[in-house]
Amino acid sequence: MCWSGRSMRCAAGLLHKLPVEVVFAYVAMSVVAIALYPFDKAAAERGRRRTPENTWHMVALLGG
């Protein structure tokens, strides 16, 4: 079990137990999420159509 004081060590230990594909998919979706934020912020500043809420939920659900 992981406790807050050991969370980084615990996360590192869990990464070794996951298939490479799962780790890659998680990292890829995190990159997608990070890449979407500036576009959404720019759209908001310009008064344009923003990224739909459902898109953000799907990205989060998929690991971003």
PDB file of N, CA and C in Angstrom:
ATOM      1  N   MET A   1       0.844  -1.171   0.000  1.00  0.00           N
ATOM      2  CA  MET A   1       0.000   0.000   0.000  1.00  0.00           C
ATOM      3  C   MET A   1       0.891   1.236   0.000  1.00  0.00           C
ATOM      4  N   CYS A   2       0.450   2.299  -0.695  1.00  0.00           N
ATOM      5  CA  CYS A   2       1.213   3.539  -0.785  1.00  0.00           C
ATOM      6  C   CYS A   2       0.624   4.591   0.145  1.00  0.00           C
ATOM      7  N   TRP A   3       1.492   5.216   0.912  1.00  0.00           N
ATOM      8  CA  TRP A   3       1.082   6.334   1.744  1.00  0.00           C
ATOM      9  C   TRP A   3       1.714   7.593   1.205  1.00  0.00           C
ATOM     10  N   SER A   4       1.190   8.734   1.576  1.00  0.00           N
ATOM     11  CA  SER A   4       1.619  10.004   0.990  1.00  0.00           C
ATOM     12  C   SER A   4       3.115  10.262   1.158  1.00  0.00           C
ATOM     13  N   GLY A   5       3.703   9.872   2.253  1.00  0.00           N
ATOM     14  CA  GLY A   5       5.123  10.097   2.475  1.00  0.00           C
ATOM     15  C   GLY A   5       6.016   9.307   1.544  1.00  0.00           C
ATOM     16  N   ARG A   6       5.493   8.239   1.011  1.00  0.00           N
ATOM     17  CA  ARG A   6       6.279   7.362   0.142  1.00  0.00           C
ATOM     18  C   ARG A   6       5.730   7.320  -1.279  1.00  0.00           C
ATOM     19  N   SER A   7       4.954   8.296  -1.659  1.00  0.00           N
ATOM     20  CA  SER A   7       4.228   8.216  -2.928  1.00  0.00           C
ATOM     21  C   SER A   7       5.143   8.132  -4.143  1.00  0.00           C
ATOM     22  N   MET A   8       6.233   8.897  -4.172  1.00  0.00           N
ATOM     23  CA  MET A   8       7.128   8.851  -5.333  1.00  0.00           C
ATOM     24  C   MET A   8       7.806   7.491  -5.450  1.00  0.00           C
ATOM     25  N   ARG A   9       8.256   6.961  -4.335  1.00  0.00           N
ATOM     26  CA  ARG A   9       8.902   5.655  -4.356  1.00  0.00           C
ATOM     27  C   ARG A   9       7.902   4.570  -4.750  1.00  0.00           C
ATOM     28  N   CYS A  10       6.697   4.699  -4.248  1.00  0.00           N
ATOM     29  CA  CYS A  10       5.651   3.736  -4.564  1.00  0.00           C
ATOM     30  C   CYS A  10       5.286   3.798  -6.047  1.00  0.00           C
ATOM     31  N   ALA A  11       5.161   5.021  -6.585  1.00  0.00           N
ATOM     32  CA  ALA A  11       4.832   5.178  -8.000  1.00  0.00           C
ATOM     33  C   ALA A  11       5.931   4.586  -8.867  1.00  0.00           C
ATOM     34  N   ALA A  12       7.175   4.805  -8.494  1.00  0.00           N
ATOM     35  CA  ALA A  12       8.289   4.245  -9.251  1.00  0.00           C
ATOM     36  C   ALA A  12       8.255   2.716  -9.204  1.00  0.00           C
ATOM     37  N   GLY A  13       7.908   2.165  -8.066  1.00  0.00           N
ATOM     38  CA  GLY A  13       7.813   0.711  -7.946  1.00  0.00           C
ATOM     39  C   GLY A  13       6.684   0.137  -8.780  1.00  0.00           C
ATOM     40  N   LEU A  14       5.569   0.856  -8.853  1.00  0.00           N
ATOM     41  CA  LEU A  14       4.438   0.385  -9.649  1.00  0.00           C
ATOM     42  C   LEU A  14       4.731   0.453 -11.141  1.00  0.00           C
ATOM     43  N   LEU A  15       5.516   1.437 -11.574  1.00  0.00           N
ATOM     44  CA  LEU A  15       5.846   1.556 -12.993  1.00  0.00           C
ATOM     45  C   LEU A  15       6.568   0.318 -13.509  1.00  0.00           C
ATOM     46  N   HIS A  16       7.369  -0.299 -12.662  1.00  0.00           N
ATOM     47  CA  HIS A  16       8.096  -1.495 -13.086  1.00  0.00           C
ATOM     48  C   HIS A  16       7.183  -2.702 -13.244  1.00  0.00           C
ATOM     49  N   LYS A  17       5.997  -2.631 -12.673  1.00  0.00           N
ATOM     50  CA  LYS A  17       5.070  -3.757 -12.743  1.00  0.00           C
ATOM     51  C   LYS A  17       4.065  -3.616 -13.883  1.00  0.00           C
ATOM     52  N   LEU A  18       3.973  -2.422 -14.471  1.00  0.00           N
ATOM     53  CA  LEU A  18       3.012  -2.185 -15.550  1.00  0.00           C
ATOM     54  C   LEU A  18       3.621  -2.534 -16.902  1.00  0.00           C
ATOM     55  N   PRO A  19       2.799  -2.988 -17.831  1.00  0.00           N
ATOM     56  CA  PRO A  19       3.310  -3.221 -19.181  1.00  0.00           C
ATOM     57  C   PRO A  19       3.757  -1.893 -19.808  1.00  0.00           C
ATOM     58  N   VAL A  20       4.755  -1.966 -20.661  1.00  0.00           N
ATOM     59  CA  VAL A  20       5.300  -0.775 -21.308  1.00  0.00           C
ATOM     60  C   VAL A  20       4.215  -0.028 -22.077  1.00  0.00           C
ATOM     61  N   GLU A  21       3.293  -0.747 -22.682  1.00  0.00           N
ATOM     62  CA  GLU A  21       2.228  -0.120 -23.453  1.00  0.00           C
ATOM     63  C   GLU A  21       1.347   0.767 -22.586  1.00  0.00           C
ATOM     64  N   VAL A  22       1.073   0.335 -21.364  1.00  0.00           N
ATOM     65  CA  VAL A  22       0.238   1.111 -20.450  1.00  0.00           C
ATOM     66  C   VAL A  22       0.956   2.397 -20.047  1.00  0.00           C
ATOM     67  N   VAL A  23       2.226   2.280 -19.728  1.00  0.00           N
ATOM     68  CA  VAL A  23       3.015   3.463 -19.361  1.00  0.00           C
ATOM     69  C   VAL A  23       3.080   4.424 -20.541  1.00  0.00           C
ATOM     70  N   PHE A  24       3.330   3.896 -21.738  1.00  0.00           N
ATOM     71  CA  PHE A  24       3.408   4.738 -22.933  1.00  0.00           C
ATOM     72  C   PHE A  24       2.075   5.440 -23.194  1.00  0.00           C
ATOM     73  N   ALA A  25       0.970   4.722 -23.067  1.00  0.00           N
ATOM     74  CA  ALA A  25      -0.354   5.319 -23.299  1.00  0.00           C
ATOM     75  C   ALA A  25      -0.636   6.420 -22.285  1.00  0.00           C
ATOM     76  N   TYR A  26      -0.269   6.205 -21.045  1.00  0.00           N
ATOM     77  CA  TYR A  26      -0.478   7.220 -20.005  1.00  0.00           C
ATOM     78  C   TYR A  26       0.342   8.472 -20.305  1.00  0.00           C
ATOM     79  N   VAL A  27       1.599   8.273 -20.664  1.00  0.00           N
ATOM     80  CA  VAL A  27       2.460   9.414 -20.983  1.00  0.00           C
ATOM     81  C   VAL A  27       1.934  10.137 -22.218  1.00  0.00           C
ATOM     82  N   ALA A  28       1.504   9.387 -23.221  1.00  0.00           N
ATOM     83  CA  ALA A  28       0.985  10.000 -24.444  1.00  0.00           C
ATOM     84  C   ALA A  28      -0.255  10.839 -24.164  1.00  0.00           C
ATOM     85  N   MET A  29      -1.169  10.333 -23.360  1.00  0.00           N
ATOM     86  CA  MET A  29      -2.383  11.094 -23.048  1.00  0.00           C
ATOM     87  C   MET A  29      -2.055  12.311 -22.181  1.00  0.00           C
ATOM     88  N   SER A  30      -1.044  12.210 -21.348  1.00  0.00           N
ATOM     89  CA  SER A  30      -0.620  13.373 -20.573  1.00  0.00           C
ATOM     90  C   SER A  30      -0.077  14.456 -21.496  1.00  0.00           C
ATOM     91  N   VAL A  31       0.676  14.060 -22.504  1.00  0.00           N
ATOM     92  CA  VAL A  31       1.201  15.018 -23.482  1.00  0.00           C
ATOM     93  C   VAL A  31       0.054  15.653 -24.257  1.00  0.00           C
ATOM     94  N   VAL A  32      -0.937  14.864 -24.635  1.00  0.00           N
ATOM     95  CA  VAL A  32      -2.108  15.403 -25.340  1.00  0.00           C
ATOM     96  C   VAL A  32      -2.814  16.436 -24.464  1.00  0.00           C
ATOM     97  N   ALA A  33      -2.999  16.117 -23.205  1.00  0.00           N
ATOM     98  CA  ALA A  33      -3.680  17.047 -22.294  1.00  0.00           C
ATOM     99  C   ALA A  33      -2.896  18.343 -22.156  1.00  0.00           C
ATOM    100  N   ILE A  34      -1.586  18.232 -21.987  1.00  0.00           N
ATOM    101  CA  ILE A  34      -0.752  19.424 -21.841  1.00  0.00           C
ATOM    102  C   ILE A  34      -0.778  20.242 -23.125  1.00  0.00           C
ATOM    103  N   ALA A  35      -0.816  19.574 -24.271  1.00  0.00           N
ATOM    104  CA  ALA A  35      -0.849  20.279 -25.554  1.00  0.00           C
ATOM    105  C   ALA A  35      -2.188  20.975 -25.785  1.00  0.00           C
ATOM    106  N   LEU A  36      -3.265  20.442 -25.268  1.00  0.00           N
ATOM    107  CA  LEU A  36      -4.586  21.049 -25.473  1.00  0.00           C
ATOM    108  C   LEU A  36      -4.795  22.324 -24.657  1.00  0.00           C
ATOM    109  N   TYR A  37      -4.175  22.415 -23.501  1.00  0.00           N
ATOM    110  CA  TYR A  37      -4.403  23.562 -22.618  1.00  0.00           C
ATOM    111  C   TYR A  37      -4.093  24.906 -23.279  1.00  0.00           C
ATOM    112  N   PRO A  38      -2.940  25.082 -23.936  1.00  0.00           N
ATOM    113  CA  PRO A  38      -2.669  26.396 -24.540  1.00  0.00           C
ATOM    114  C   PRO A  38      -3.679  26.776 -25.626  1.00  0.00           C
ATOM    115  N   PHE A  39      -4.144  25.791 -26.402  1.00  0.00           N
ATOM    116  CA  PHE A  39      -5.139  26.075 -27.428  1.00  0.00           C
ATOM    117  C   PHE A  39      -6.454  26.527 -26.800  1.00  0.00           C
ATOM    118  N   ASP A  40      -6.840  25.875 -25.725  1.00  0.00           N
ATOM    119  CA  ASP A  40      -8.077  26.243 -25.047  1.00  0.00           C
ATOM    120  C   ASP A  40      -7.959  27.627 -24.424  1.00  0.00           C
ATOM    121  N   LYS A  41      -6.828  27.905 -23.809  1.00  0.00           N
ATOM    122  CA  LYS A  41      -6.620  29.214 -23.189  1.00  0.00           C
ATOM    123  C   LYS A  41      -6.610  30.317 -24.248  1.00  0.00           C
ATOM    124  N   ALA A  42      -5.943  30.082 -25.363  1.00  0.00           N
ATOM    125  CA  ALA A  42      -5.907  31.084 -26.442  1.00  0.00           C
ATOM    126  C   ALA A  42      -7.303  31.332 -26.993  1.00  0.00           C
ATOM    127  N   ALA A  43      -8.082  30.269 -27.153  1.00  0.00           N
ATOM    128  CA  ALA A  43      -9.455  30.423 -27.643  1.00  0.00           C
ATOM    129  C   ALA A  43     -10.281  31.243 -26.658  1.00  0.00           C
ATOM    130  N   ALA A  44     -10.088  31.011 -25.377  1.00  0.00           N
ATOM    131  CA  ALA A  44     -10.831  31.762 -24.356  1.00  0.00           C
ATOM    132  C   ALA A  44     -10.463  33.239 -24.388  1.00  0.00           C
ATOM    133  N   GLU A  45      -9.185  33.520 -24.542  1.00  0.00           N
ATOM    134  CA  GLU A  45      -8.732  34.910 -24.569  1.00  0.00           C
ATOM    135  C   GLU A  45      -9.237  35.658 -25.805  1.00  0.00           C
ATOM    136  N   ARG A  46      -9.422  34.932 -26.900  1.00  0.00           N
ATOM    137  CA  ARG A  46      -9.883  35.546 -28.147  1.00  0.00           C
ATOM    138  C   ARG A  46     -11.401  35.505 -28.307  1.00  0.00           C
ATOM    139  N   GLY A  47     -12.077  34.923 -27.339  1.00  0.00           N
ATOM    140  CA  GLY A  47     -13.533  34.832 -27.410  1.00  0.00           C
ATOM    141  C   GLY A  47     -14.024  33.805 -28.412  1.00  0.00           C
ATOM    142  N   ARG A  48     -13.171  32.859 -28.753  1.00  0.00           N
ATOM    143  CA  ARG A  48     -13.534  31.809 -29.706  1.00  0.00           C
ATOM    144  C   ARG A  48     -14.119  30.600 -28.980  1.00  0.00           C
ATOM    145  N   ARG A  49     -14.531  29.637 -29.803  1.00  0.00           N
ATOM    146  CA  ARG A  49     -15.083  28.393 -29.254  1.00  0.00           C
ATOM    147  C   ARG A  49     -13.987  27.627 -28.528  1.00  0.00           C
ATOM    148  N   ARG A  50     -14.294  27.224 -27.299  1.00  0.00           N
ATOM    149  CA  ARG A  50     -13.324  26.516 -26.470  1.00  0.00           C
ATOM    150  C   ARG A  50     -13.465  25.016 -26.628  1.00  0.00           C
ATOM    151  N   THR A  51     -12.509  24.294 -26.060  1.00  0.00           N
ATOM    152  CA  THR A  51     -12.545  22.835 -26.072  1.00  0.00           C
ATOM    153  C   THR A  51     -13.741  22.376 -25.248  1.00  0.00           C
ATOM    154  N   PRO A  52     -14.588  21.521 -25.832  1.00  0.00           N
ATOM    155  CA  PRO A  52     -15.773  21.068 -25.088  1.00  0.00           C
ATOM    156  C   PRO A  52     -15.406  20.318 -23.803  1.00  0.00           C
ATOM    157  N   GLU A  53     -16.261  20.457 -22.824  1.00  0.00           N
ATOM    158  CA  GLU A  53     -16.058  19.815 -21.530  1.00  0.00           C
ATOM    159  C   GLU A  53     -15.931  18.298 -21.671  1.00  0.00           C
ATOM    160  N   ASN A  54     -16.717  17.720 -22.563  1.00  0.00           N
ATOM    161  CA  ASN A  54     -16.654  16.258 -22.765  1.00  0.00           C
ATOM    162  C   ASN A  54     -15.282  15.822 -23.261  1.00  0.00           C
ATOM    163  N   THR A  55     -14.627  16.656 -24.052  1.00  0.00           N
ATOM    164  CA  THR A  55     -13.272  16.333 -24.519  1.00  0.00           C
ATOM    165  C   THR A  55     -12.318  16.276 -23.347  1.00  0.00           C
ATOM    166  N   TRP A  56     -12.421  17.252 -22.452  1.00  0.00           N
ATOM    167  CA  TRP A  56     -11.547  17.266 -21.274  1.00  0.00           C
ATOM    168  C   TRP A  56     -11.812  16.038 -20.403  1.00  0.00           C
ATOM    169  N   HIS A  57     -13.072  15.665 -20.253  1.00  0.00           N
ATOM    170  CA  HIS A  57     -13.393  14.474 -19.456  1.00  0.00           C
ATOM    171  C   HIS A  57     -12.826  13.217 -20.096  1.00  0.00           C
ATOM    172  N   MET A  58     -12.908  13.114 -21.412  1.00  0.00           N
ATOM    173  CA  MET A  58     -12.385  11.927 -22.097  1.00  0.00           C
ATOM    174  C   MET A  58     -10.861  11.851 -21.971  1.00  0.00           C
ATOM    175  N   VAL A  59     -10.195  12.983 -22.139  1.00  0.00           N
ATOM    176  CA  VAL A  59      -8.735  13.002 -21.980  1.00  0.00           C
ATOM    177  C   VAL A  59      -8.353  12.594 -20.569  1.00  0.00           C
ATOM    178  N   ALA A  60      -9.067  13.100 -19.583  1.00  0.00           N
ATOM    179  CA  ALA A  60      -8.789  12.732 -18.197  1.00  0.00           C
ATOM    180  C   ALA A  60      -9.054  11.245 -17.951  1.00  0.00           C
ATOM    181  N   LEU A  61     -10.141  10.746 -18.507  1.00  0.00           N
ATOM    182  CA  LEU A  61     -10.493   9.338 -18.342  1.00  0.00           C
ATOM    183  C   LEU A  61      -9.439   8.423 -18.957  1.00  0.00           C
ATOM    184  N   LEU A  62      -8.856   8.851 -20.058  1.00  0.00           N
ATOM    185  CA  LEU A  62      -7.855   8.051 -20.748  1.00  0.00           C
ATOM    186  C   LEU A  62      -6.452   8.213 -20.159  1.00  0.00           C
ATOM    187  N   GLY A  63      -6.336   9.017 -19.124  1.00  0.00           N
ATOM    188  CA  GLY A  63      -5.064   9.105 -18.434  1.00  0.00           C
ATOM    189  C   GLY A  63      -4.356  10.431 -18.500  1.00  0.00           C
ATOM    190  N   GLY A  64      -4.956  11.428 -19.114  1.00  0.00           N
ATOM    191  CA  GLY A  64      -4.279  12.727 -19.259  1.00  0.00           C
ATOM    192  C   GLY A  64      -4.499  13.639 -18.100  1.00  0.00           C
TER     193      GLY A  64
END
